[in-house]
Amino acid sequence: MFTNVIVRCVHWLRARAQLMRWREEVMLTGYEMHWVVRYFLNKSQTWDHLISGTGTSTGTPTSSVGIIAYARQKQQTWHNLAHSADRVFATMSSAYKSPM
């Protein structure tokens, strides 16, 4: 009988530990969803600053049409990634709150 009680206690402790690990994983997944969207937005803003000229080392605006077109394409790509990830995360989780 005594061993039966020990087995139940050990089983309960292992189940409780597993529940706590899953709760932590759910919490971290929520954070990671926000981090991904914010990272994509940050990269988009970085390219946007290069377009406006505030991101250059000399502080002078970039005058090359090709460079500006490339920077706009990159800015739009990162912006689209942020919106796509935001939409997917919103449909996957009802607890997700958009950082956008």
PDB file of N, CA and C in Angstrom:
ATOM      1  N   MET A   1       0.818  -1.197   0.000  1.00  0.00           N
ATOM      2  CA  MET A   1       0.000   0.000   0.000  1.00  0.00           C
ATOM      3  C   MET A   1       0.866   1.267   0.000  1.00  0.00           C
ATOM      4  N   PHE A   2       1.932   1.235   0.788  1.00  0.00           N
ATOM      5  CA  PHE A   2       2.809   2.397   0.862  1.00  0.00           C
ATOM      6  C   PHE A   2       3.443   2.704  -0.495  1.00  0.00           C
ATOM      7  N   THR A   3       3.846   1.670  -1.226  1.00  0.00           N
ATOM      8  CA  THR A   3       4.431   1.890  -2.553  1.00  0.00           C
ATOM      9  C   THR A   3       3.409   2.428  -3.529  1.00  0.00           C
ATOM     10  N   ASN A   4       2.150   2.061  -3.360  1.00  0.00           N
ATOM     11  CA  ASN A   4       1.075   2.575  -4.207  1.00  0.00           C
ATOM     12  C   ASN A   4       0.936   4.087  -4.045  1.00  0.00           C
ATOM     13  N   VAL A   5       1.047   4.566  -2.820  1.00  0.00           N
ATOM     14  CA  VAL A   5       0.952   6.001  -2.538  1.00  0.00           C
ATOM     15  C   VAL A   5       2.146   6.727  -3.157  1.00  0.00           C
ATOM     16  N   ILE A   6       3.329   6.160  -3.042  1.00  0.00           N
ATOM     17  CA  ILE A   6       4.531   6.773  -3.612  1.00  0.00           C
ATOM     18  C   ILE A   6       4.413   6.849  -5.123  1.00  0.00           C
ATOM     19  N   VAL A   7       3.939   5.781  -5.739  1.00  0.00           N
ATOM     20  CA  VAL A   7       3.782   5.769  -7.195  1.00  0.00           C
ATOM     21  C   VAL A   7       2.796   6.851  -7.628  1.00  0.00           C
ATOM     22  N   ARG A   8       1.705   6.996  -6.901  1.00  0.00           N
ATOM     23  CA  ARG A   8       0.716   8.035  -7.240  1.00  0.00           C
ATOM     24  C   ARG A   8       1.302   9.440  -7.075  1.00  0.00           C
ATOM     25  N   CYS A   9       2.069   9.626  -6.010  1.00  0.00           N
ATOM     26  CA  CYS A   9       2.691  10.946  -5.789  1.00  0.00           C
ATOM     27  C   CYS A   9       3.679  11.269  -6.903  1.00  0.00           C
ATOM     28  N   VAL A  10       4.495  10.317  -7.272  1.00  0.00           N
ATOM     29  CA  VAL A  10       5.467  10.528  -8.343  1.00  0.00           C
ATOM     30  C   VAL A  10       4.750  10.808  -9.652  1.00  0.00           C
ATOM     31  N   HIS A  11       3.701  10.034  -9.931  1.00  0.00           N
ATOM     32  CA  HIS A  11       2.935  10.244 -11.159  1.00  0.00           C
ATOM     33  C   HIS A  11       2.312  11.633 -11.180  1.00  0.00           C
ATOM     34  N   TRP A  12       1.756  12.058 -10.035  1.00  0.00           N
ATOM     35  CA  TRP A  12       1.131  13.380  -9.953  1.00  0.00           C
ATOM     36  C   TRP A  12       2.181  14.479 -10.157  1.00  0.00           C
ATOM     37  N   LEU A  13       3.349  14.322  -9.548  1.00  0.00           N
ATOM     38  CA  LEU A  13       4.406  15.327  -9.691  1.00  0.00           C
ATOM     39  C   LEU A  13       4.898  15.417 -11.135  1.00  0.00           C
ATOM     40  N   ARG A  14       5.042  14.283 -11.798  1.00  0.00           N
ATOM     41  CA  ARG A  14       5.469  14.296 -13.201  1.00  0.00           C
ATOM     42  C   ARG A  14       4.413  14.942 -14.086  1.00  0.00           C
ATOM     43  N   ALA A  15       3.139  14.650 -13.843  1.00  0.00           N
ATOM     44  CA  ALA A  15       2.059  15.249 -14.628  1.00  0.00           C
ATOM     45  C   ALA A  15       1.999  16.756 -14.400  1.00  0.00           C
ATOM     46  N   ARG A  16       2.192  17.163 -13.153  1.00  0.00           N
ATOM     47  CA  ARG A  16       2.189  18.602 -12.838  1.00  0.00           C
ATOM     48  C   ARG A  16       3.349  19.313 -13.527  1.00  0.00           C
ATOM     49  N   ALA A  17       4.528  18.696 -13.523  1.00  0.00           N
ATOM     50  CA  ALA A  17       5.694  19.287 -14.182  1.00  0.00           C
ATOM     51  C   ALA A  17       5.460  19.408 -15.685  1.00  0.00           C
ATOM     52  N   GLN A  18       4.842  18.386 -16.264  1.00  0.00           N
ATOM     53  CA  GLN A  18       4.561  18.454 -17.694  1.00  0.00           C
ATOM     54  C   GLN A  18       3.548  19.557 -18.005  1.00  0.00           C
ATOM     55  N   LEU A  19       2.528  19.705 -17.174  1.00  0.00           N
ATOM     56  CA  LEU A  19       1.558  20.787 -17.358  1.00  0.00           C
ATOM     57  C   LEU A  19       2.241  22.142 -17.281  1.00  0.00           C
ATOM     58  N   MET A  20       3.140  22.307 -16.334  1.00  0.00           N
ATOM     59  CA  MET A  20       3.854  23.578 -16.197  1.00  0.00           C
ATOM     60  C   MET A  20       4.742  23.850 -17.408  1.00  0.00           C
ATOM     61  N   ARG A  21       5.373  22.800 -17.960  1.00  0.00           N
ATOM     62  CA  ARG A  21       6.196  22.976 -19.167  1.00  0.00           C
ATOM     63  C   ARG A  21       5.338  23.409 -20.345  1.00  0.00           C
ATOM     64  N   TRP A  22       4.152  22.810 -20.493  1.00  0.00           N
ATOM     65  CA  TRP A  22       3.273  23.181 -21.600  1.00  0.00           C
ATOM     66  C   TRP A  22       2.755  24.610 -21.445  1.00  0.00           C
ATOM     67  N   ARG A  23       2.435  25.003 -20.225  1.00  0.00           N
ATOM     68  CA  ARG A  23       1.998  26.395 -20.007  1.00  0.00           C
ATOM     69  C   ARG A  23       3.102  27.375 -20.366  1.00  0.00           C
ATOM     70  N   GLU A  24       4.333  27.045 -19.983  1.00  0.00           N
ATOM     71  CA  GLU A  24       5.468  27.900 -20.325  1.00  0.00           C
ATOM     72  C   GLU A  24       5.661  27.964 -21.845  1.00  0.00           C
ATOM     73  N   GLU A  25       5.496  26.835 -22.511  1.00  0.00           N
ATOM     74  CA  GLU A  25       5.653  26.792 -23.966  1.00  0.00           C
ATOM     75  C   GLU A  25       4.604  27.655 -24.657  1.00  0.00           C
ATOM     76  N   VAL A  26       3.370  27.615 -24.167  1.00  0.00           N
ATOM     77  CA  VAL A  26       2.299  28.446 -24.743  1.00  0.00           C
ATOM     78  C   VAL A  26       2.632  29.925 -24.552  1.00  0.00           C
ATOM     79  N   MET A  27       3.114  30.276 -23.364  1.00  0.00           N
ATOM     80  CA  MET A  27       3.476  31.664 -23.097  1.00  0.00           C
ATOM     81  C   MET A  27       4.617  32.119 -24.012  1.00  0.00           C
ATOM     82  N   LEU A  28       5.650  31.282 -24.139  1.00  0.00           N
ATOM     83  CA  LEU A  28       6.792  31.644 -24.987  1.00  0.00           C
ATOM     84  C   LEU A  28       6.391  31.736 -26.459  1.00  0.00           C
ATOM     85  N   THR A  29       5.504  30.867 -26.907  1.00  0.00           N
ATOM     86  CA  THR A  29       5.047  30.921 -28.294  1.00  0.00           C
ATOM     87  C   THR A  29       4.337  32.244 -28.571  1.00  0.00           C
ATOM     88  N   GLY A  30       3.542  32.710 -27.621  1.00  0.00           N
ATOM     89  CA  GLY A  30       2.892  34.012 -27.773  1.00  0.00           C
ATOM     90  C   GLY A  30       3.900  35.142 -27.899  1.00  0.00           C
ATOM     91  N   TYR A  31       4.928  35.102 -27.061  1.00  0.00           N
ATOM     92  CA  TYR A  31       5.980  36.114 -27.142  1.00  0.00           C
ATOM     93  C   TYR A  31       6.704  36.046 -28.487  1.00  0.00           C
ATOM     94  N   GLU A  32       6.990  34.835 -28.928  1.00  0.00           N
ATOM     95  CA  GLU A  32       7.723  34.674 -30.186  1.00  0.00           C
ATOM     96  C   GLU A  32       6.923  35.196 -31.374  1.00  0.00           C
ATOM     97  N   MET A  33       5.603  35.048 -31.334  1.00  0.00           N
ATOM     98  CA  MET A  33       4.777  35.594 -32.415  1.00  0.00           C
ATOM     99  C   MET A  33       4.914  37.114 -32.469  1.00  0.00           C
ATOM    100  N   HIS A  34       4.898  37.760 -31.309  1.00  0.00           N
ATOM    101  CA  HIS A  34       5.077  39.218 -31.275  1.00  0.00           C
ATOM    102  C   HIS A  34       6.472  39.609 -31.736  1.00  0.00           C
ATOM    103  N   TRP A  35       7.471  38.853 -31.313  1.00  0.00           N
ATOM    104  CA  TRP A  35       8.854  39.166 -31.693  1.00  0.00           C
ATOM    105  C   TRP A  35       9.044  39.089 -33.203  1.00  0.00           C
ATOM    106  N   VAL A  36       8.437  38.102 -33.832  1.00  0.00           N
ATOM    107  CA  VAL A  36       8.579  37.944 -35.280  1.00  0.00           C
ATOM    108  C   VAL A  36       7.982  39.143 -36.007  1.00  0.00           C
ATOM    109  N   VAL A  37       6.766  39.527 -35.639  1.00  0.00           N
ATOM    110  CA  VAL A  37       6.116  40.658 -36.310  1.00  0.00           C
ATOM    111  C   VAL A  37       6.900  41.939 -36.057  1.00  0.00           C
ATOM    112  N   ARG A  38       7.352  42.151 -34.824  1.00  0.00           N
ATOM    113  CA  ARG A  38       8.120  43.369 -34.523  1.00  0.00           C
ATOM    114  C   ARG A  38       9.456  43.387 -35.258  1.00  0.00           C
ATOM    115  N   TYR A  39      10.088  42.229 -35.406  1.00  0.00           N
ATOM    116  CA  TYR A  39      11.345  42.160 -36.147  1.00  0.00           C
ATOM    117  C   TYR A  39      11.119  42.552 -37.603  1.00  0.00           C
ATOM    118  N   PHE A  40      10.068  42.005 -38.212  1.00  0.00           N
ATOM    119  CA  PHE A  40       9.764  42.350 -39.601  1.00  0.00           C
ATOM    120  C   PHE A  40       9.462  43.842 -39.739  1.00  0.00           C
ATOM    121  N   LEU A  41       8.729  44.404 -38.799  1.00  0.00           N
ATOM    122  CA  LEU A  41       8.437  45.843 -38.850  1.00  0.00           C
ATOM    123  C   LEU A  41       9.710  46.665 -38.677  1.00  0.00           C
ATOM    124  N   ASN A  42      10.596  46.232 -37.796  1.00  0.00           N
ATOM    125  CA  ASN A  42      11.859  46.938 -37.591  1.00  0.00           C
ATOM    126  C   ASN A  42      12.696  46.939 -38.864  1.00  0.00           C
ATOM    127  N   LYS A  43      12.777  45.777 -39.534  1.00  0.00           N
ATOM    128  CA  LYS A  43      13.533  45.707 -40.786  1.00  0.00           C
ATOM    129  C   LYS A  43      12.906  46.611 -41.849  1.00  0.00           C
ATOM    130  N   SER A  44      11.581  46.670 -41.892  1.00  0.00           N
ATOM    131  CA  SER A  44      10.892  47.547 -42.834  1.00  0.00           C
ATOM    132  C   SER A  44      11.227  49.013 -42.550  1.00  0.00           C
ATOM    133  N   GLN A  45      11.241  49.372 -41.267  1.00  0.00           N
ATOM    134  CA  GLN A  45      11.564  50.752 -40.901  1.00  0.00           C
ATOM    135  C   GLN A  45      13.022  51.090 -41.199  1.00  0.00           C
ATOM    136  N   THR A  46      13.902  50.108 -41.068  1.00  0.00           N
ATOM    137  CA  THR A  46      15.311  50.328 -41.393  1.00  0.00           C
ATOM    138  C   THR A  46      15.466  50.703 -42.857  1.00  0.00           C
ATOM    139  N   TRP A  47      14.805  49.963 -43.747  1.00  0.00           N
ATOM    140  CA  TRP A  47      14.868  50.282 -45.171  1.00  0.00           C
ATOM    141  C   TRP A  47      14.165  51.603 -45.466  1.00  0.00           C
ATOM    142  N   ASP A  48      13.113  51.908 -44.722  1.00  0.00           N
ATOM    143  CA  ASP A  48      12.410  53.177 -44.911  1.00  0.00           C
ATOM    144  C   ASP A  48      13.322  54.351 -44.552  1.00  0.00           C
ATOM    145  N   HIS A  49      14.115  54.197 -43.493  1.00  0.00           N
ATOM    146  CA  HIS A  49      15.061  55.248 -43.124  1.00  0.00           C
ATOM    147  C   HIS A  49      16.136  55.433 -44.193  1.00  0.00           C
ATOM    148  N   LEU A  50      16.542  54.332 -44.821  1.00  0.00           N
ATOM    149  CA  LEU A  50      17.527  54.445 -45.900  1.00  0.00           C
ATOM    150  C   LEU A  50      16.936  55.184 -47.101  1.00  0.00           C
ATOM    151  N   ILE A  51      15.651  54.966 -47.361  1.00  0.00           N
ATOM    152  CA  ILE A  51      14.991  55.673 -48.471  1.00  0.00           C
ATOM    153  C   ILE A  51      14.953  57.170 -48.198  1.00  0.00           C
ATOM    154  N   SER A  52      14.610  57.531 -46.955  1.00  0.00           N
ATOM    155  CA  SER A  52      14.492  58.954 -46.626  1.00  0.00           C
ATOM    156  C   SER A  52      15.845  59.620 -46.427  1.00  0.00           C
ATOM    157  N   GLY A  53      16.907  58.810 -46.312  1.00  0.00           N
ATOM    158  CA  GLY A  53      18.246  59.382 -46.202  1.00  0.00           C
ATOM    159  C   GLY A  53      18.725  59.544 -44.786  1.00  0.00           C
ATOM    160  N   THR A  54      17.873  59.236 -43.799  1.00  0.00           N
ATOM    161  CA  THR A  54      18.317  59.403 -42.414  1.00  0.00           C
ATOM    162  C   THR A  54      19.161  58.243 -41.938  1.00  0.00           C
ATOM    163  N   GLY A  55      19.213  57.158 -42.715  1.00  0.00           N
ATOM    164  CA  GLY A  55      19.989  55.999 -42.298  1.00  0.00           C
ATOM    165  C   GLY A  55      21.381  55.949 -42.885  1.00  0.00           C
ATOM    166  N   THR A  56      21.746  56.909 -43.711  1.00  0.00           N
ATOM    167  CA  THR A  56      23.080  56.880 -44.307  1.00  0.00           C
ATOM    168  C   THR A  56      24.099  57.380 -43.299  1.00  0.00           C
ATOM    169  N   SER A  57      25.328  56.959 -43.489  1.00  0.00           N
ATOM    170  CA  SER A  57      26.371  57.330 -42.532  1.00  0.00           C
ATOM    171  C   SER A  57      26.727  58.813 -42.626  1.00  0.00           C
ATOM    172  N   THR A  58      26.567  59.411 -43.805  1.00  0.00           N
ATOM    173  CA  THR A  58      26.932  60.821 -43.959  1.00  0.00           C
ATOM    174  C   THR A  58      25.766  61.747 -43.646  1.00  0.00           C
ATOM    175  N   GLY A  59      24.563  61.207 -43.561  1.00  0.00           N
ATOM    176  CA  GLY A  59      23.398  62.040 -43.289  1.00  0.00           C
ATOM    177  C   GLY A  59      22.827  62.684 -44.534  1.00  0.00           C
ATOM    178  N   THR A  60      23.449  62.453 -45.672  1.00  0.00           N
ATOM    179  CA  THR A  60      22.932  63.020 -46.912  1.00  0.00           C
ATOM    180  C   THR A  60      22.002  62.023 -47.587  1.00  0.00           C
ATOM    181  N   PRO A  61      20.938  62.479 -48.206  1.00  0.00           N
ATOM    182  CA  PRO A  61      20.014  61.551 -48.855  1.00  0.00           C
ATOM    183  C   PRO A  61      20.666  60.829 -50.028  1.00  0.00           C
ATOM    184  N   THR A  62      20.231  59.615 -50.249  1.00  0.00           N
ATOM    185  CA  THR A  62      20.717  58.826 -51.375  1.00  0.00           C
ATOM    186  C   THR A  62      20.067  59.338 -52.638  1.00  0.00           C
ATOM    187  N   SER A  63      20.861  59.571 -53.686  1.00  0.00           N
ATOM    188  CA  SER A  63      20.307  60.169 -54.896  1.00  0.00           C
ATOM    189  C   SER A  63      20.140  59.178 -56.040  1.00  0.00           C
ATOM    190  N   SER A  64      20.722  58.004 -55.936  1.00  0.00           N
ATOM    191  CA  SER A  64      20.640  57.045 -57.021  1.00  0.00           C
ATOM    192  C   SER A  64      19.243  56.442 -57.095  1.00  0.00           C
ATOM    193  N   VAL A  65      18.654  56.476 -58.288  1.00  0.00           N
ATOM    194  CA  VAL A  65      17.314  55.946 -58.489  1.00  0.00           C
ATOM    195  C   VAL A  65      17.289  54.440 -58.246  1.00  0.00           C
ATOM    196  N   GLY A  66      18.338  53.751 -58.672  1.00  0.00           N
ATOM    197  CA  GLY A  66      18.415  52.305 -58.480  1.00  0.00           C
ATOM    198  C   GLY A  66      18.479  51.912 -57.014  1.00  0.00           C
ATOM    199  N   ILE A  67      19.242  52.668 -56.249  1.00  0.00           N
ATOM    200  CA  ILE A  67      19.357  52.377 -54.817  1.00  0.00           C
ATOM    201  C   ILE A  67      18.033  52.619 -54.120  1.00  0.00           C
ATOM    202  N   ILE A  68      17.366  53.701 -54.473  1.00  0.00           N
ATOM    203  CA  ILE A  68      16.069  54.002 -53.877  1.00  0.00           C
ATOM    204  C   ILE A  68      15.042  52.933 -54.244  1.00  0.00           C
ATOM    205  N   ALA A  69      15.039  52.489 -55.496  1.00  0.00           N
ATOM    206  CA  ALA A  69      14.099  51.446 -55.925  1.00  0.00           C
ATOM    207  C   ALA A  69      14.361  50.139 -55.181  1.00  0.00           C
ATOM    208  N   TYR A  70      15.627  49.790 -55.023  1.00  0.00           N
ATOM    209  CA  TYR A  70      15.980  48.562 -54.293  1.00  0.00           C
ATOM    210  C   TYR A  70      15.533  48.665 -52.830  1.00  0.00           C
ATOM    211  N   ALA A  71      15.793  49.819 -52.215  1.00  0.00           N
ATOM    212  CA  ALA A  71      15.411  50.013 -50.816  1.00  0.00           C
ATOM    213  C   ALA A  71      13.893  49.967 -50.650  1.00  0.00           C
ATOM    214  N   ARG A  72      13.149  50.549 -51.601  1.00  0.00           N
ATOM    215  CA  ARG A  72      11.683  50.492 -51.526  1.00  0.00           C
ATOM    216  C   ARG A  72      11.185  49.058 -51.653  1.00  0.00           C
ATOM    217  N   GLN A  73      11.828  48.277 -52.529  1.00  0.00           N
ATOM    218  CA  GLN A  73      11.429  46.880 -52.697  1.00  0.00           C
ATOM    219  C   GLN A  73      11.679  46.109 -51.398  1.00  0.00           C
ATOM    220  N   LYS A  74      12.825  46.310 -50.791  1.00  0.00           N
ATOM    221  CA  LYS A  74      13.134  45.630 -49.537  1.00  0.00           C
ATOM    222  C   LYS A  74      12.194  46.078 -48.417  1.00  0.00           C
ATOM    223  N   GLN A  75      11.915  47.366 -48.353  1.00  0.00           N
ATOM    224  CA  GLN A  75      11.006  47.877 -47.329  1.00  0.00           C
ATOM    225  C   GLN A  75       9.624  47.258 -47.487  1.00  0.00           C
ATOM    226  N   GLN A  76       9.146  47.178 -48.715  1.00  0.00           N
ATOM    227  CA  GLN A  76       7.832  46.604 -48.974  1.00  0.00           C
ATOM    228  C   GLN A  76       7.815  45.105 -48.674  1.00  0.00           C
ATOM    229  N   THR A  77       8.891  44.409 -48.976  1.00  0.00           N
ATOM    230  CA  THR A  77       8.976  42.980 -48.687  1.00  0.00           C
ATOM    231  C   THR A  77       8.858  42.715 -47.189  1.00  0.00           C
ATOM    232  N   TRP A  78       9.615  43.458 -46.385  1.00  0.00           N
ATOM    233  CA  TRP A  78       9.554  43.277 -44.938  1.00  0.00           C
ATOM    234  C   TRP A  78       8.194  43.677 -44.390  1.00  0.00           C
ATOM    235  N   HIS A  79       7.610  44.728 -44.946  1.00  0.00           N
ATOM    236  CA  HIS A  79       6.282  45.171 -44.509  1.00  0.00           C
ATOM    237  C   HIS A  79       5.243  44.091 -44.827  1.00  0.00           C
ATOM    238  N   ASN A  80       5.320  43.502 -46.011  1.00  0.00           N
ATOM    239  CA  ASN A  80       4.385  42.433 -46.379  1.00  0.00           C
ATOM    240  C   ASN A  80       4.569  41.206 -45.482  1.00  0.00           C
ATOM    241  N   LEU A  81       5.806  40.883 -45.149  1.00  0.00           N
ATOM    242  CA  LEU A  81       6.054  39.766 -44.240  1.00  0.00           C
ATOM    243  C   LEU A  81       5.426  40.020 -42.871  1.00  0.00           C
ATOM    244  N   ALA A  82       5.533  41.247 -42.384  1.00  0.00           N
ATOM    245  CA  ALA A  82       4.938  41.588 -41.093  1.00  0.00           C
ATOM    246  C   ALA A  82       3.421  41.423 -41.137  1.00  0.00           C
ATOM    247  N   HIS A  83       2.799  41.922 -42.203  1.00  0.00           N
ATOM    248  CA  HIS A  83       1.337  41.812 -42.312  1.00  0.00           C
ATOM    249  C   HIS A  83       0.907  40.355 -42.476  1.00  0.00           C
ATOM    250  N   SER A  84       1.633  39.595 -43.261  1.00  0.00           N
ATOM    251  CA  SER A  84       1.286  38.187 -43.455  1.00  0.00           C
ATOM    252  C   SER A  84       1.403  37.413 -42.152  1.00  0.00           C
ATOM    253  N   ALA A  85       2.503  37.601 -41.448  1.00  0.00           N
ATOM    254  CA  ALA A  85       2.694  36.909 -40.170  1.00  0.00           C
ATOM    255  C   ALA A  85       1.624  37.330 -39.166  1.00  0.00           C
ATOM    256  N   ASP A  86       1.302  38.614 -39.147  1.00  0.00           N
ATOM    257  CA  ASP A  86       0.281  39.112 -38.230  1.00  0.00           C
ATOM    258  C   ASP A  86      -1.071  38.456 -38.510  1.00  0.00           C
ATOM    259  N   ARG A  87      -1.433  38.349 -39.787  1.00  0.00           N
ATOM    260  CA  ARG A  87      -2.710  37.706 -40.145  1.00  0.00           C
ATOM    261  C   ARG A  87      -2.731  36.233 -39.763  1.00  0.00           C
ATOM    262  N   VAL A  88      -1.645  35.534 -40.047  1.00  0.00           N
ATOM    263  CA  VAL A  88      -1.582  34.103 -39.728  1.00  0.00           C
ATOM    264  C   VAL A  88      -1.660  33.888 -38.220  1.00  0.00           C
ATOM    265  N   PHE A  89      -0.919  34.664 -37.456  1.00  0.00           N
ATOM    266  CA  PHE A  89      -0.936  34.510 -36.004  1.00  0.00           C
ATOM    267  C   PHE A  89      -2.306  34.843 -35.424  1.00  0.00           C
ATOM    268  N   ALA A  90      -2.978  35.848 -35.994  1.00  0.00           N
ATOM    269  CA  ALA A  90      -4.311  36.220 -35.502  1.00  0.00           C
ATOM    270  C   ALA A  90      -5.322  35.110 -35.760  1.00  0.00           C
ATOM    271  N   THR A  91      -5.191  34.408 -36.891  1.00  0.00           N
ATOM    272  CA  THR A  91      -6.128  33.317 -37.168  1.00  0.00           C
ATOM    273  C   THR A  91      -5.785  32.065 -36.363  1.00  0.00           C
ATOM    274  N   MET A  92      -4.514  31.885 -36.004  1.00  0.00           N
ATOM    275  CA  MET A  92      -4.102  30.693 -35.260  1.00  0.00           C
ATOM    276  C   MET A  92      -4.456  30.776 -33.781  1.00  0.00           C
ATOM    277  N   SER A  93      -4.395  31.958 -33.208  1.00  0.00           N
ATOM    278  CA  SER A  93      -4.572  32.081 -31.762  1.00  0.00           C
ATOM    279  C   SER A  93      -5.540  33.213 -31.442  1.00  0.00           C
ATOM    280  N   SER A  94      -6.547  32.898 -30.653  1.00  0.00           N
ATOM    281  CA  SER A  94      -7.499  33.938 -30.246  1.00  0.00           C
ATOM    282  C   SER A  94      -6.884  34.858 -29.187  1.00  0.00           C
ATOM    283  N   ALA A  95      -5.841  34.406 -28.513  1.00  0.00           N
ATOM    284  CA  ALA A  95      -5.185  35.210 -27.485  1.00  0.00           C
ATOM    285  C   ALA A  95      -4.169  36.181 -28.064  1.00  0.00           C
ATOM    286  N   TYR A  96      -3.860  36.057 -29.359  1.00  0.00           N
ATOM    287  CA  TYR A  96      -2.850  36.911 -30.004  1.00  0.00           C
ATOM    288  C   TYR A  96      -3.373  38.334 -30.127  1.00  0.00           C
ATOM    289  N   LYS A  97      -2.569  39.280 -29.668  1.00  0.00           N
ATOM    290  CA  LYS A  97      -2.894  40.710 -29.814  1.00  0.00           C
ATOM    291  C   LYS A  97      -1.860  41.310 -30.755  1.00  0.00           C
ATOM    292  N   SER A  98      -2.335  41.891 -31.819  1.00  0.00           N
ATOM    293  CA  SER A  98      -1.460  42.405 -32.858  1.00  0.00           C
ATOM    294  C   SER A  98      -0.622  43.581 -32.362  1.00  0.00           C
ATOM    295  N   PRO A  99       0.695  43.568 -32.601  1.00  0.00           N
ATOM    296  CA  PRO A  99       1.526  44.726 -32.247  1.00  0.00           C
ATOM    297  C   PRO A  99       1.483  45.826 -33.296  1.00  0.00           C
ATOM    298  N   MET A 100       0.739  45.597 -34.369  1.00  0.00           N
ATOM    299  CA  MET A 100       0.685  46.582 -35.456  1.00  0.00           C
ATOM    300  C   MET A 100      -0.373  47.636 -35.188  1.00  0.00           C
TER     301      MET A 100
END
